[in-house]
């Protein structure tokens, strides 16, 4: 059975990632990309679905772990009755390969280490043919199935059923390296790595990248870790940012709200662009913007809410019945059916992000404004359409207030692009439509009796996405309408002190009701508190939220307050993006109070 979600640490080479449990087992790995088929899938089942255990053979060994500074090089110190060892695990960055290095160093005494390797390609549907490697690089095994192959070099492993196992002793001062390399099965196995060299270069790359982070403040460490998570989830070649490293970790334990997040949402990419700009990464911001412009190029009627990491459009949703699901939560899904939804807010997200990039001095691509003009023409023709909303409701399309505000924001940023940069367009028409949408929102999306904006037109329900309204400039955080909305959210969506997305039992989302608080929404509330003068409330909620990160600083999508455990896919880009914004808002609010 897989461990609690918070017991997993991620290592990454900015192309893919592995999830390593506290027990020393890699229970999730997709090579060569985040969205490739898994070769270790025990996270969604058990060891028969693939895993790679490396840990002391002695039962009862204890472990502590941390990343080396601001890298994704994980160091676990194991203590046994006979000695101590350190296991350093990482995915080499920059070698254009797909490798995992696990280096065991003897610290004191003597420790017997064990391995249990179970390779299961193609989402545990392909048990490979395995043979011993016969080259001058030392002991190893080669596993092959269909298009996939790996070579594992290190201490000798022997077949036992459908696994390969082995033990080896590690003495004080001794170093033993175990290296797994994936490669296409139609090619020769790659040569052995120089572990010292790739360890040094990987650390140096992360050190250089984090050196440029512009941030100081109370939550400096959490901001640094969050920014490195965002960088790790961003594909080195394409610039596409995976929403998370995993698929189908449940939003409700034992339930069916299990989705594949290994793709790039326009919304996440737009928010990442903003966060990068605000922290000094103009070059990386230009790369993210380039991905956005490539993804949405073409007929704006064909714009999707999400794409593959390389901009792929075809992401059909399927269920994998061979997986029982994380601790029994089924179905396990790959692909995402929401790709076919119309979500009216995404063009607004893109327009907001591209305008911010322009205003902050990110060099503009020549084709950026023509692409934006094309998006605006589509928005002019479709601004009255209902949609599925930010939460990808699988019920009937409706007029979601947040979506209507983001349509307003699209016209607002197009107008500002003309006013501030002289970019051409039908500005008078944009101004007319912006005013019409605002009038409509105030008439149909605001409950005067309760003094709150509502989830959908004509409803009495509220939605955490309403906290985004001040973020895009629709209304000030201190406006009485916004303060009333916050009061309603506090009353309706915070039964355990953290923010739910919406009340599932009162919303037509096409699924069985029930989920846990959504961490990004709680960070949005921190930002709202900080920008509306509730500084102490902002600090109290922020302290609670950062305390929900696991021992290496990772946040998942949701949190089960009663069970005191993380829930949903992990690490979640949106959670870490919202953390950074909340920390920035607290620092800005503190500065304002000091003046």
Protein backbone atom coordinates (compact mmCIF):
# COMPACT_ATOMS: atom_id res chain seq x y z
CA UNK A 1 0.00 0.00 0.00
CA UNK A 2 1.35 3.49 -0.83
CA UNK A 3 2.35 5.88 1.93
CA UNK A 4 0.47 9.05 2.90
CA UNK A 5 0.88 11.66 0.17
CA UNK A 6 2.93 13.93 2.44
CA UNK A 7 5.48 11.15 2.89
CA UNK A 8 6.69 11.55 -0.70
CA UNK A 9 9.53 13.79 -1.86
CA UNK A 10 10.11 14.74 -5.48
CA UNK A 11 13.33 14.69 -7.46
CA UNK A 12 13.36 16.21 -10.94
CA UNK A 13 15.54 17.04 -13.93
CA UNK A 14 13.00 19.55 -15.32
CA UNK A 15 11.79 16.93 -17.78
CA UNK A 16 10.17 14.41 -15.47
CA UNK A 17 10.06 13.54 -11.78
CA UNK A 18 10.20 10.64 -9.35
CA UNK A 19 8.24 10.43 -6.11
CA UNK A 20 10.30 8.83 -3.33
CA UNK A 21 8.65 7.66 -0.12
CA UNK A 22 10.07 7.96 3.37
CA UNK A 23 10.61 4.20 3.20
CA UNK A 24 13.13 4.60 0.36
CA UNK A 25 10.78 3.36 -2.37
CA UNK A 26 10.35 5.19 -5.67
CA UNK A 27 6.62 4.63 -6.16
CA UNK A 28 6.03 6.92 -9.14
CA UNK A 29 8.19 7.56 -12.19
CA UNK A 30 7.35 8.41 -15.80
CA UNK A 31 10.20 8.56 -18.31
CA UNK A 32 11.14 10.48 -20.35
CA UNK A 33 8.46 13.16 -19.65
CA UNK A 34 6.07 13.96 -16.85
CA UNK A 35 3.18 12.81 -19.02
CA UNK A 36 4.83 9.62 -20.27
CA UNK A 37 3.51 6.24 -19.17
CA UNK A 38 4.64 5.17 -15.70
CA UNK A 39 7.34 2.57 -15.14
CA UNK A 40 6.96 2.70 -11.36
CA UNK A 41 3.29 2.96 -10.42
CA UNK A 42 2.97 1.62 -6.87
CA UNK A 43 1.61 5.03 -5.84
CA UNK A 44 -1.67 4.04 -7.48
CA UNK A 45 -1.69 0.43 -6.35
CA UNK A 46 1.01 -1.64 -4.72
CA UNK A 47 4.51 -2.95 -5.42
CA UNK A 48 3.22 -5.19 -8.21
CA UNK A 49 2.55 -2.01 -10.21
CA UNK A 50 6.23 -1.13 -10.15
CA UNK A 51 8.59 0.34 -7.59
CA UNK A 52 12.28 0.63 -6.69
CA UNK A 53 13.10 0.19 -3.02
CA UNK A 54 16.53 1.12 -1.67
CA UNK A 55 16.75 1.10 2.13
CA UNK A 56 18.48 -0.66 5.03
CA UNK A 57 17.60 -4.34 5.30
CA UNK A 58 17.13 -3.99 9.04
CA UNK A 59 13.53 -3.56 10.10
CA UNK A 60 12.98 -0.54 12.28
CA UNK A 61 15.65 1.63 10.65
CA UNK A 62 14.82 5.32 11.05
CA UNK A 63 15.29 8.07 8.52
CA UNK A 64 15.46 11.85 8.24
CA UNK A 65 15.69 13.67 4.94
CA UNK A 66 16.12 17.06 3.31
CA UNK A 67 17.09 18.64 0.04
CA UNK A 68 20.59 20.02 -0.40
CA UNK A 69 19.91 23.74 -0.02
CA UNK A 70 17.56 24.96 -2.79
CA UNK A 71 18.07 21.99 -5.12
CA UNK A 72 16.06 18.86 -5.80
CA UNK A 73 18.91 16.64 -4.64
CA UNK A 74 17.42 14.59 -1.81
CA UNK A 75 19.57 13.33 1.06
CA UNK A 76 18.16 10.71 3.45
CA UNK A 77 20.11 9.68 6.55
CA UNK A 78 19.28 6.17 7.72
CA UNK A 79 20.12 5.02 11.26
CA UNK A 80 20.24 1.33 12.18
CA UNK A 81 21.51 -0.65 15.17
CA UNK A 82 24.79 -1.25 13.33
CA UNK A 83 25.52 2.14 11.78
CA UNK A 84 24.41 5.04 9.63
CA UNK A 85 24.32 5.73 5.90
CA UNK A 86 23.33 8.65 3.72
CA UNK A 87 21.46 8.09 0.47
CA UNK A 88 21.74 10.94 -2.04
CA UNK A 89 19.15 10.74 -4.81
CA UNK A 90 18.75 12.99 -7.83
CA UNK A 91 18.00 13.20 -11.51
CA UNK A 92 20.96 14.76 -13.33
CA UNK A 93 20.09 18.07 -14.93
CA UNK A 94 21.33 19.16 -18.34
CA UNK A 95 22.64 15.87 -19.74
CA UNK A 96 19.61 15.49 -22.04
CA UNK A 97 18.96 12.02 -20.68
CA UNK A 98 16.53 10.27 -18.34
CA UNK A 99 18.52 9.02 -15.34
CA UNK A 100 18.15 8.47 -11.61
CA UNK A 101 21.21 8.34 -9.35
CA UNK A 102 21.06 6.80 -5.87
CA UNK A 103 24.37 7.13 -4.04
CA UNK A 104 24.86 5.36 -0.70
CA UNK A 105 27.62 6.65 1.57
CA UNK A 106 28.66 4.97 4.79
CA UNK A 107 28.65 7.43 7.70
CA UNK A 108 29.45 5.13 10.60
CA UNK A 109 29.60 1.42 11.35
CA UNK A 110 28.30 -1.01 8.76
CA UNK A 111 24.82 -1.09 7.22
CA UNK A 112 23.36 -3.77 4.96
CA UNK A 113 21.25 -2.17 2.22
CA UNK A 114 18.53 -3.94 0.25
CA UNK A 115 17.03 -3.35 -3.18
CA UNK A 116 13.70 -4.49 -4.58
CA UNK A 117 13.34 -3.47 -8.23
CA UNK A 118 10.05 -4.06 -10.06
CA UNK A 119 9.93 -2.40 -13.46
CA UNK A 120 6.45 -2.18 -14.99
CA UNK A 121 6.35 -0.19 -18.20
CA UNK A 122 3.25 1.34 -19.81
CA UNK A 123 1.27 2.01 -16.65
CA UNK A 124 2.02 -1.45 -15.22
CA UNK A 125 0.64 -3.17 -18.32
CA UNK A 126 4.01 -4.40 -19.60
CA UNK A 127 6.27 -6.69 -17.55
CA UNK A 128 9.68 -6.39 -19.23
CA UNK A 129 12.10 -9.00 -20.41
CA UNK A 130 15.14 -8.68 -18.15
CA UNK A 131 18.68 -9.84 -18.74
CA UNK A 132 22.03 -9.30 -17.07
CA UNK A 133 24.16 -6.56 -18.65
CA UNK A 134 27.41 -7.83 -20.10
CA UNK A 135 29.69 -4.86 -20.56
CA UNK A 136 32.86 -3.52 -18.95
CA UNK A 137 30.92 -1.02 -16.83
CA UNK A 138 30.28 -3.59 -14.10
CA UNK A 139 27.17 -5.47 -12.88
CA UNK A 140 23.78 -4.39 -14.16
CA UNK A 141 20.50 -5.48 -15.65
CA UNK A 142 18.69 -4.42 -18.80
CA UNK A 143 14.88 -4.44 -18.91
CA UNK A 144 13.01 -4.09 -22.20
CA UNK A 145 9.34 -3.97 -23.21
CA UNK A 146 8.03 -2.42 -26.41
CA UNK A 147 9.56 1.03 -26.96
CA UNK A 148 11.04 1.29 -23.46
CA UNK A 149 14.29 0.04 -21.97
CA UNK A 150 16.30 0.76 -18.84
CA UNK A 151 19.70 -0.25 -17.65
CA UNK A 152 20.38 -0.37 -13.92
CA UNK A 153 24.04 -0.39 -12.88
CA UNK A 154 25.22 -1.08 -9.36
CA UNK A 155 25.39 -3.98 -6.90
CA UNK A 156 24.25 -7.26 -8.41
CA UNK A 157 20.53 -8.00 -8.52
CA UNK A 158 18.98 -11.44 -8.89
CA UNK A 159 15.57 -12.41 -10.18
CA UNK A 160 12.98 -13.49 -7.65
CA UNK A 161 9.62 -14.01 -9.27
CA UNK A 162 8.84 -10.84 -11.19
CA UNK A 163 11.19 -8.66 -9.13
CA UNK A 164 14.94 -8.25 -8.89
CA UNK A 165 16.46 -8.12 -5.44
CA UNK A 166 19.81 -7.86 -3.77
CA UNK A 167 21.65 -6.76 -0.66
CA UNK A 168 25.03 -5.13 -0.18
CA UNK A 169 27.00 -3.89 2.87
CA UNK A 170 28.23 -0.31 3.18
CA UNK A 171 31.12 0.45 5.53
CA UNK A 172 32.18 3.76 7.05
CA UNK A 173 33.56 6.02 4.32
CA UNK A 174 32.51 3.69 1.50
CA UNK A 175 30.40 4.94 -1.44
CA UNK A 176 28.18 2.74 -3.58
CA UNK A 177 26.37 4.16 -6.62
CA UNK A 178 23.23 2.73 -8.20
CA UNK A 179 22.15 4.36 -11.46
CA UNK A 180 19.05 3.78 -13.60
CA UNK A 181 19.00 5.08 -17.17
CA UNK A 182 15.98 4.98 -19.49
CA UNK A 183 16.47 4.87 -23.22
CA UNK A 184 14.48 3.92 -26.35
CA UNK A 185 14.64 0.15 -26.73
CA UNK A 186 15.75 0.40 -30.37
CA UNK A 187 18.99 2.11 -29.31
CA UNK A 188 22.08 0.87 -27.50
CA UNK A 189 22.25 1.28 -23.73
CA UNK A 190 23.87 4.59 -22.76
CA UNK A 191 27.35 4.57 -21.18
CA UNK A 192 27.75 4.73 -17.41
CA UNK A 193 27.52 8.16 -15.78
CA UNK A 194 30.35 9.89 -13.97
CA UNK A 195 28.32 10.38 -10.81
CA UNK A 196 30.67 12.93 -9.23
CA UNK A 197 30.48 15.09 -12.35
CA UNK A 198 26.71 15.04 -12.77
CA UNK A 199 26.14 15.56 -9.04
CA UNK A 200 28.32 18.63 -9.12
CA UNK A 201 26.81 20.04 -12.29
CA UNK A 202 23.25 19.45 -11.08
CA UNK A 203 23.88 21.22 -7.80
CA UNK A 204 25.64 24.07 -9.59
CA UNK A 205 22.69 24.52 -11.96
CA UNK A 206 20.14 24.76 -9.16
CA UNK A 207 22.42 27.09 -7.17
CA UNK A 208 22.78 29.39 -10.16
CA UNK A 209 19.05 29.40 -10.86
CA UNK A 210 18.01 30.17 -7.29
CA UNK A 211 20.67 32.85 -6.95
CA UNK A 212 18.53 35.10 -9.11
CA UNK A 213 15.40 34.92 -6.93
CA UNK A 214 14.38 38.40 -5.81
CA UNK A 215 12.60 37.97 -2.48
CA UNK A 216 13.05 38.82 1.16
CA UNK A 217 10.61 38.46 4.00
CA UNK A 218 9.04 36.30 6.65
CA UNK A 219 8.31 33.42 4.26
CA UNK A 220 11.55 33.53 2.31
CA UNK A 221 12.32 29.81 2.59
CA UNK A 222 8.82 28.80 1.53
CA UNK A 223 8.91 31.18 -1.44
CA UNK A 224 12.26 29.79 -2.58
CA UNK A 225 11.04 26.22 -2.37
CA UNK A 226 7.82 27.10 -4.18
CA UNK A 227 9.69 28.81 -7.00
CA UNK A 228 11.99 25.82 -7.37
CA UNK A 229 8.93 23.53 -7.48
CA UNK A 230 7.57 25.64 -10.34
CA UNK A 231 10.90 25.44 -12.13
CA UNK A 232 11.10 21.68 -11.62
CA UNK A 233 7.59 21.22 -13.03
CA UNK A 234 8.53 23.23 -16.13
CA UNK A 235 9.76 21.14 -19.03
CA UNK A 236 13.32 22.10 -19.91
CA UNK A 237 12.78 22.08 -23.66
CA UNK A 238 9.18 23.16 -24.24
CA UNK A 239 8.54 25.60 -21.38
CA UNK A 240 5.23 23.90 -20.57
CA UNK A 241 4.51 23.68 -16.83
CA UNK A 242 2.91 20.51 -15.48
CA UNK A 243 0.11 21.26 -13.02
CA UNK A 244 1.49 18.43 -10.85
CA UNK A 245 3.85 15.48 -11.12
CA UNK A 246 1.15 12.86 -10.59
CA UNK A 247 -2.20 11.60 -11.79
CA UNK A 248 -5.29 10.38 -9.93
CA UNK A 249 -4.30 11.13 -6.33
CA UNK A 250 -7.76 11.62 -4.84
CA UNK A 251 -9.42 14.88 -3.88
CA UNK A 252 -11.53 12.74 -1.54
CA UNK A 253 -10.05 9.53 -0.18
CA UNK A 254 -11.92 6.56 -1.52
CA UNK A 255 -13.82 8.75 -3.98
CA UNK A 256 -13.89 9.30 -7.75
CA UNK A 257 -12.49 12.86 -7.97
CA UNK A 258 -9.21 11.61 -9.37
CA UNK A 259 -7.70 13.52 -12.30
CA UNK A 260 -4.57 13.60 -14.43
CA UNK A 261 -2.66 16.83 -13.77
CA UNK A 262 0.48 16.16 -15.81
CA UNK A 263 -0.47 18.73 -18.44
CA UNK A 264 -0.22 22.49 -18.88
CA UNK A 265 -3.26 24.61 -18.12
CA UNK A 266 -3.29 28.08 -19.71
CA UNK A 267 -4.37 29.39 -16.33
CA UNK A 268 -1.33 27.96 -14.52
CA UNK A 269 1.04 29.09 -17.27
CA UNK A 270 -0.38 32.63 -17.07
CA UNK A 271 -0.05 32.76 -13.27
CA UNK A 272 3.48 31.38 -13.48
CA UNK A 273 4.38 34.14 -15.91
CA UNK A 274 3.22 36.75 -13.41
CA UNK A 275 5.06 35.17 -10.47
CA UNK A 276 8.30 34.88 -12.44
CA UNK A 277 8.17 38.50 -13.50
CA UNK A 278 7.65 39.63 -9.92
CA UNK A 279 10.70 37.69 -8.77
CA UNK A 280 13.21 38.83 -11.32
CA UNK A 281 13.05 36.00 -13.84
CA UNK A 282 12.42 37.98 -17.00
CA UNK A 283 14.26 35.51 -19.23
CA UNK A 284 12.28 32.55 -17.87
CA UNK A 285 9.12 34.65 -18.12
CA UNK A 286 9.87 35.19 -21.80
CA UNK A 287 10.18 31.41 -22.19
CA UNK A 288 6.85 30.82 -20.49
CA UNK A 289 5.24 33.50 -22.65
CA UNK A 290 6.70 31.80 -25.72
CA UNK A 291 4.99 28.55 -24.73
CA UNK A 292 1.70 30.41 -24.27
CA UNK A 293 1.89 32.07 -27.67
CA UNK A 294 2.80 28.83 -29.43
CA UNK A 295 0.01 26.90 -27.71
CA UNK A 296 -2.75 29.37 -28.54
CA UNK A 297 -1.58 30.18 -32.09
CA UNK A 298 -4.06 29.45 -34.86
CA UNK A 299 -7.83 29.80 -34.91
CA UNK A 300 -8.90 31.19 -31.50
CA UNK A 301 -12.03 29.05 -31.72
CA UNK A 302 -9.69 26.09 -31.23
CA UNK A 303 -8.05 27.43 -28.06
CA UNK A 304 -8.11 24.84 -25.30
CA UNK A 305 -7.91 25.25 -21.55
CA UNK A 306 -4.96 22.83 -21.39
CA UNK A 307 -2.31 21.25 -23.57
CA UNK A 308 0.41 18.64 -23.40
CA UNK A 309 3.80 19.83 -22.21
CA UNK A 310 4.87 20.38 -25.79
CA UNK A 311 1.59 22.01 -26.81
CA UNK A 312 -0.11 18.75 -27.83
CA UNK A 313 -3.87 19.13 -28.22
CA UNK A 314 -5.13 15.54 -28.07
CA UNK A 315 -5.46 14.54 -24.39
CA UNK A 316 -8.28 11.97 -24.36
CA UNK A 317 -9.36 10.82 -20.93
CA UNK A 318 -9.19 7.08 -20.24
CA UNK A 319 -9.56 4.89 -17.16
CA UNK A 320 -6.87 2.37 -16.26
CA UNK A 321 -8.72 -0.54 -14.71
CA UNK A 322 -5.52 -2.44 -13.90
CA UNK A 323 -4.81 0.06 -11.11
CA UNK A 324 -6.93 -0.13 -7.94
CA UNK A 325 -6.15 3.54 -7.26
CA UNK A 326 -4.40 5.30 -4.40
CA UNK A 327 -5.54 3.42 -1.30
CA UNK A 328 -8.54 2.19 -3.29
CA UNK A 329 -9.65 5.53 -4.78
CA UNK A 330 -10.77 4.72 -8.30
CA UNK A 331 -10.90 5.20 -11.18
CA UNK A 332 -7.33 5.96 -12.16
CA UNK A 333 -7.39 8.30 -15.13
CA UNK A 334 -4.90 9.34 -17.78
CA UNK A 335 -5.65 12.23 -20.08
CA UNK A 336 -8.21 14.80 -19.03
CA UNK A 337 -11.72 15.19 -20.43
CA UNK A 338 -11.85 18.83 -19.37
CA UNK A 339 -9.69 19.57 -22.41
CA UNK A 340 -12.91 19.73 -24.45
CA UNK A 341 -14.67 22.18 -22.14
CA UNK A 342 -15.27 25.84 -22.87
CA UNK A 343 -13.92 27.89 -19.96
CA UNK A 344 -14.47 31.55 -20.62
CA UNK A 345 -11.90 32.72 -18.08
CA UNK A 346 -8.76 31.39 -19.79
CA UNK A 347 -8.48 34.10 -22.44
CA UNK A 348 -8.76 36.65 -19.67
CA UNK A 349 -5.96 34.89 -17.78
CA UNK A 350 -3.77 35.04 -20.90
CA UNK A 351 -4.54 38.71 -21.59
CA UNK A 352 -3.80 39.68 -17.98
CA UNK A 353 -0.47 37.84 -18.00
CA UNK A 354 0.69 39.17 -21.36
CA UNK A 355 -0.20 42.74 -20.43
CA UNK A 356 1.73 42.41 -17.17
CA UNK A 357 4.73 41.07 -19.08
CA UNK A 358 4.55 44.05 -21.43
CA UNK A 359 4.31 46.52 -18.55
CA UNK A 360 7.22 44.94 -16.68
CA UNK A 361 9.55 45.16 -19.65
CA UNK A 362 9.65 41.58 -20.88
CA UNK A 363 10.72 41.96 -24.54
CA UNK A 364 7.62 41.45 -26.66
CA UNK A 365 7.54 38.98 -29.51
CA UNK A 366 6.44 40.56 -32.79
CA UNK A 367 3.52 38.19 -33.20
CA UNK A 368 2.24 38.60 -29.62
CA UNK A 369 -0.23 41.40 -30.30
CA UNK A 370 -1.66 39.86 -33.47
CA UNK A 371 -2.32 36.68 -31.49
CA UNK A 372 -3.97 38.73 -28.73
CA UNK A 373 -6.07 40.61 -31.29
CA UNK A 374 -7.24 37.28 -32.64
CA UNK A 375 -8.19 36.15 -29.13
CA UNK A 376 -10.09 39.37 -28.58
CA UNK A 377 -12.01 38.97 -31.83
CA UNK A 378 -13.11 35.54 -30.63
CA UNK A 379 -14.06 37.01 -27.24
CA UNK A 380 -16.09 39.77 -28.93
CA UNK A 381 -18.07 37.06 -30.71
CA UNK A 382 -18.47 34.73 -27.72
CA UNK A 383 -18.62 36.94 -24.63
CA UNK A 384 -22.22 35.92 -23.95
CA UNK A 385 -21.53 32.16 -23.89
CA UNK A 386 -22.03 30.10 -20.76
CA UNK A 387 -19.08 27.96 -19.69
CA UNK A 388 -17.88 25.20 -17.33
CA UNK A 389 -16.02 27.54 -14.98
CA UNK A 390 -12.58 27.55 -13.40
CA UNK A 391 -13.34 24.30 -11.51
CA UNK A 392 -14.17 22.39 -14.71
CA UNK A 393 -17.70 21.51 -13.68
CA UNK A 394 -18.95 18.39 -15.42
CA UNK A 395 -22.57 19.47 -15.14
CA UNK A 396 -24.46 21.95 -17.34
CA UNK A 397 -22.69 25.11 -18.50
CA UNK A 398 -23.68 28.23 -16.56
CA UNK A 399 -22.81 31.90 -16.14
CA UNK A 400 -20.07 31.70 -13.53
CA UNK A 401 -19.35 35.09 -11.98
CA UNK A 402 -15.61 34.51 -11.92
CA UNK A 403 -15.63 33.61 -15.62
CA UNK A 404 -17.64 36.75 -16.42
CA UNK A 405 -15.11 38.86 -14.52
CA UNK A 406 -12.26 37.28 -16.49
CA UNK A 407 -14.06 38.14 -19.74
CA UNK A 408 -14.24 41.70 -18.39
CA UNK A 409 -10.50 41.48 -17.64
CA UNK A 410 -9.76 40.40 -21.21
CA UNK A 411 -11.37 43.55 -22.60
CA UNK A 412 -9.81 45.67 -19.87
CA UNK A 413 -6.27 44.52 -20.71
CA UNK A 414 -6.85 44.94 -24.44
CA UNK A 415 -7.91 48.54 -23.75
CA UNK A 416 -4.85 49.14 -21.57
CA UNK A 417 -2.57 47.71 -24.25
CA UNK A 418 -3.89 50.41 -26.59
CA UNK A 419 -3.80 53.21 -24.01
CA UNK A 420 -0.32 52.51 -22.67
CA UNK A 421 1.49 51.03 -25.67
CA UNK A 422 -0.42 52.38 -28.64
CA UNK A 423 -1.40 48.93 -29.90
CA UNK A 424 -4.18 48.98 -32.47
CA UNK A 425 -7.68 47.60 -32.12
CA UNK A 426 -11.41 48.48 -31.94
CA UNK A 427 -11.01 50.21 -28.59
CA UNK A 428 -14.43 51.86 -28.50
CA UNK A 429 -16.11 48.48 -29.04
CA UNK A 430 -13.93 46.94 -26.31
CA UNK A 431 -14.88 49.77 -23.94
CA UNK A 432 -18.57 49.28 -24.69
CA UNK A 433 -18.40 45.54 -24.07
CA UNK A 434 -16.38 45.99 -20.88
CA UNK A 435 -19.08 48.31 -19.52
CA UNK A 436 -21.90 45.97 -20.56
CA UNK A 437 -20.26 43.01 -18.85
CA UNK A 438 -19.66 44.99 -15.67
CA UNK A 439 -23.30 46.09 -15.58
CA UNK A 440 -24.38 42.49 -16.09
CA UNK A 441 -22.11 41.19 -13.31
CA UNK A 442 -23.40 43.76 -10.85
CA UNK A 443 -26.99 43.03 -11.80
CA UNK A 444 -26.92 39.22 -11.94
CA UNK A 445 -23.74 38.13 -10.17
CA UNK A 446 -24.18 40.11 -6.97
CA UNK A 447 -26.57 39.30 -4.13
CA UNK A 448 -27.57 42.68 -2.67
CA UNK A 449 -29.49 41.12 0.18
CA UNK A 450 -26.39 39.34 1.45
CA UNK A 451 -23.87 41.85 0.03
CA UNK A 452 -21.81 39.24 -1.79
CA UNK A 453 -20.85 38.16 -5.26
CA UNK A 454 -22.18 34.69 -6.06
CA UNK A 455 -20.89 31.57 -7.75
CA UNK A 456 -23.29 31.65 -10.72
CA UNK A 457 -25.89 34.13 -11.85
CA UNK A 458 -29.07 33.88 -9.81
CA UNK A 459 -27.51 31.65 -7.14
CA UNK A 460 -27.14 32.20 -3.41
CA UNK A 461 -23.95 30.13 -3.28
CA UNK A 462 -20.46 31.61 -3.08
CA UNK A 463 -17.25 30.30 -4.61
CA UNK A 464 -13.61 30.72 -3.62
CA UNK A 465 -12.77 31.90 -7.15
CA UNK A 466 -14.47 35.17 -6.22
CA UNK A 467 -11.32 35.95 -4.23
CA UNK A 468 -9.61 36.51 -7.59
CA UNK A 469 -11.76 39.55 -8.42
CA UNK A 470 -9.43 42.06 -6.69
CA UNK A 471 -6.37 40.31 -8.11
CA UNK A 472 -7.38 41.24 -11.65
CA UNK A 473 -8.51 44.76 -10.76
CA UNK A 474 -12.25 44.29 -11.10
CA UNK A 475 -12.91 45.52 -7.58
CA UNK A 476 -10.65 46.75 -4.79
CA UNK A 477 -9.92 44.40 -1.90
CA UNK A 478 -11.34 47.04 0.48
CA UNK A 479 -14.54 47.60 -1.47
CA UNK A 480 -17.63 46.88 0.70
CA UNK A 481 -18.84 44.40 -1.94
CA UNK A 482 -15.62 42.45 -1.67
CA UNK A 483 -15.63 42.58 2.13
CA UNK A 484 -19.16 41.19 2.06
CA UNK A 485 -18.02 38.42 -0.27
CA UNK A 486 -15.19 37.52 2.10
CA UNK A 487 -17.66 37.37 5.00
CA UNK A 488 -19.88 35.00 3.02
CA UNK A 489 -16.91 32.79 2.10
CA UNK A 490 -15.83 32.68 5.74
CA UNK A 491 -19.35 31.65 6.74
CA UNK A 492 -20.04 29.09 4.00
CA UNK A 493 -16.72 27.66 2.83
CA UNK A 494 -14.53 27.44 5.93
CA UNK A 495 -15.99 24.77 8.22
CA UNK A 496 -12.50 23.77 9.40
CA UNK A 497 -10.72 27.10 8.99
CA UNK A 498 -9.46 26.42 5.46
CA UNK A 499 -11.24 27.39 2.26
CA UNK A 500 -13.32 24.97 0.19
CA UNK A 501 -13.64 25.71 -3.54
CA UNK A 502 -17.44 25.62 -3.28
CA UNK A 503 -20.07 23.57 -1.50
CA UNK A 504 -20.20 20.44 -3.64
CA UNK A 505 -23.53 19.40 -2.17
CA UNK A 506 -25.12 22.59 -3.55
CA UNK A 507 -23.39 22.76 -6.94
CA UNK A 508 -24.03 20.91 -10.18
CA UNK A 509 -20.51 19.63 -10.90
CA UNK A 510 -21.64 16.24 -12.21
CA UNK A 511 -19.95 14.26 -9.42
CA UNK A 512 -20.79 12.75 -6.05
CA UNK A 513 -20.47 15.54 -3.42
CA UNK A 514 -17.45 15.72 -1.15
CA UNK A 515 -13.87 17.01 -1.19
CA UNK A 516 -11.35 18.69 1.10
CA UNK A 517 -10.25 22.34 1.36
CA UNK A 518 -8.31 23.54 -1.69
CA UNK A 519 -4.96 24.97 -0.61
CA UNK A 520 -4.69 27.58 -3.37
CA UNK A 521 -8.05 29.04 -2.29
CA UNK A 522 -6.79 29.48 1.27
CA UNK A 523 -3.70 31.27 -0.03
CA UNK A 524 -6.01 33.53 -2.09
CA UNK A 525 -7.77 34.42 1.16
CA UNK A 526 -4.40 35.25 2.75
CA UNK A 527 -3.77 37.63 -0.16
CA UNK A 528 -7.20 39.19 0.30
CA UNK A 529 -6.63 39.65 4.04
CA UNK A 530 -3.22 41.24 3.44
CA UNK A 531 -4.49 43.67 0.82
CA UNK A 532 -7.58 44.70 2.80
CA UNK A 533 -5.81 45.57 6.06
CA UNK A 534 -6.37 42.32 7.98
CA UNK A 535 -2.65 41.78 8.47
CA UNK A 536 -2.86 39.63 11.60
CA UNK A 537 -5.48 37.38 10.02
CA UNK A 538 -3.25 37.05 6.97
CA UNK A 539 -0.29 35.99 9.12
CA UNK A 540 -2.33 33.54 11.16
CA UNK A 541 -3.76 31.78 8.12
CA UNK A 542 -0.43 31.88 6.27
CA UNK A 543 1.40 30.31 9.21
CA UNK A 544 -1.16 27.54 9.33
CA UNK A 545 -0.91 26.91 5.59
CA UNK A 546 2.87 26.75 5.33
CA UNK A 547 2.75 24.35 8.26
CA UNK A 548 0.81 21.92 6.05
CA UNK A 549 3.78 21.45 3.72
CA UNK A 550 5.60 18.17 4.15
CA UNK A 551 9.07 17.78 5.62
CA UNK A 552 10.74 18.91 2.38
CA UNK A 553 8.38 21.82 1.69
CA UNK A 554 5.98 20.28 -0.83
CA UNK A 555 2.25 21.03 -1.02
CA UNK A 556 -0.41 18.94 -2.68
CA UNK A 557 -3.72 20.19 -4.06
CA UNK A 558 -5.92 19.83 -0.97
CA UNK A 559 -5.74 19.08 2.75
CA UNK A 560 -7.87 16.76 4.86
CA UNK A 561 -8.19 18.72 8.10
CA UNK A 562 -9.83 15.89 10.07
CA UNK A 563 -7.39 13.23 8.86
CA UNK A 564 -4.49 15.74 9.06
CA UNK A 565 -3.08 14.66 5.71
CA UNK A 566 -2.47 16.02 2.24
CA UNK A 567 -4.86 15.09 -0.57
CA UNK A 568 -4.90 15.39 -4.34
CA UNK A 569 -2.07 15.48 -6.85
CA UNK A 570 1.36 16.56 -5.71
CA UNK A 571 3.35 18.74 -5.75
CA UNK A 572 0.68 21.08 -7.03
CA UNK A 573 1.86 24.06 -9.10
CA UNK A 574 -1.22 26.15 -8.29
CA UNK A 575 -0.74 25.67 -4.52
CA UNK A 576 2.86 26.87 -4.77
CA UNK A 577 1.96 29.74 -7.12
CA UNK A 578 -0.69 30.92 -4.67
CA UNK A 579 1.77 30.62 -1.77
CA UNK A 580 4.21 32.95 -3.51
CA UNK A 581 1.52 35.51 -4.27
CA UNK A 582 0.27 35.37 -0.67
CA UNK A 583 3.78 35.88 0.73
CA UNK A 584 4.30 38.83 -1.60
CA UNK A 585 0.99 40.36 -0.53
CA UNK A 586 1.93 40.07 3.13
CA UNK A 587 5.23 41.87 2.51
CA UNK A 588 3.48 44.58 0.49
CA UNK A 589 0.85 44.98 3.18
CA UNK A 590 3.55 45.24 5.84
CA UNK A 591 5.30 47.95 3.84
CA UNK A 592 2.04 49.88 3.52
CA UNK A 593 1.41 49.67 7.27
CA UNK A 594 4.90 50.99 7.93
CA UNK A 595 4.35 54.15 5.88
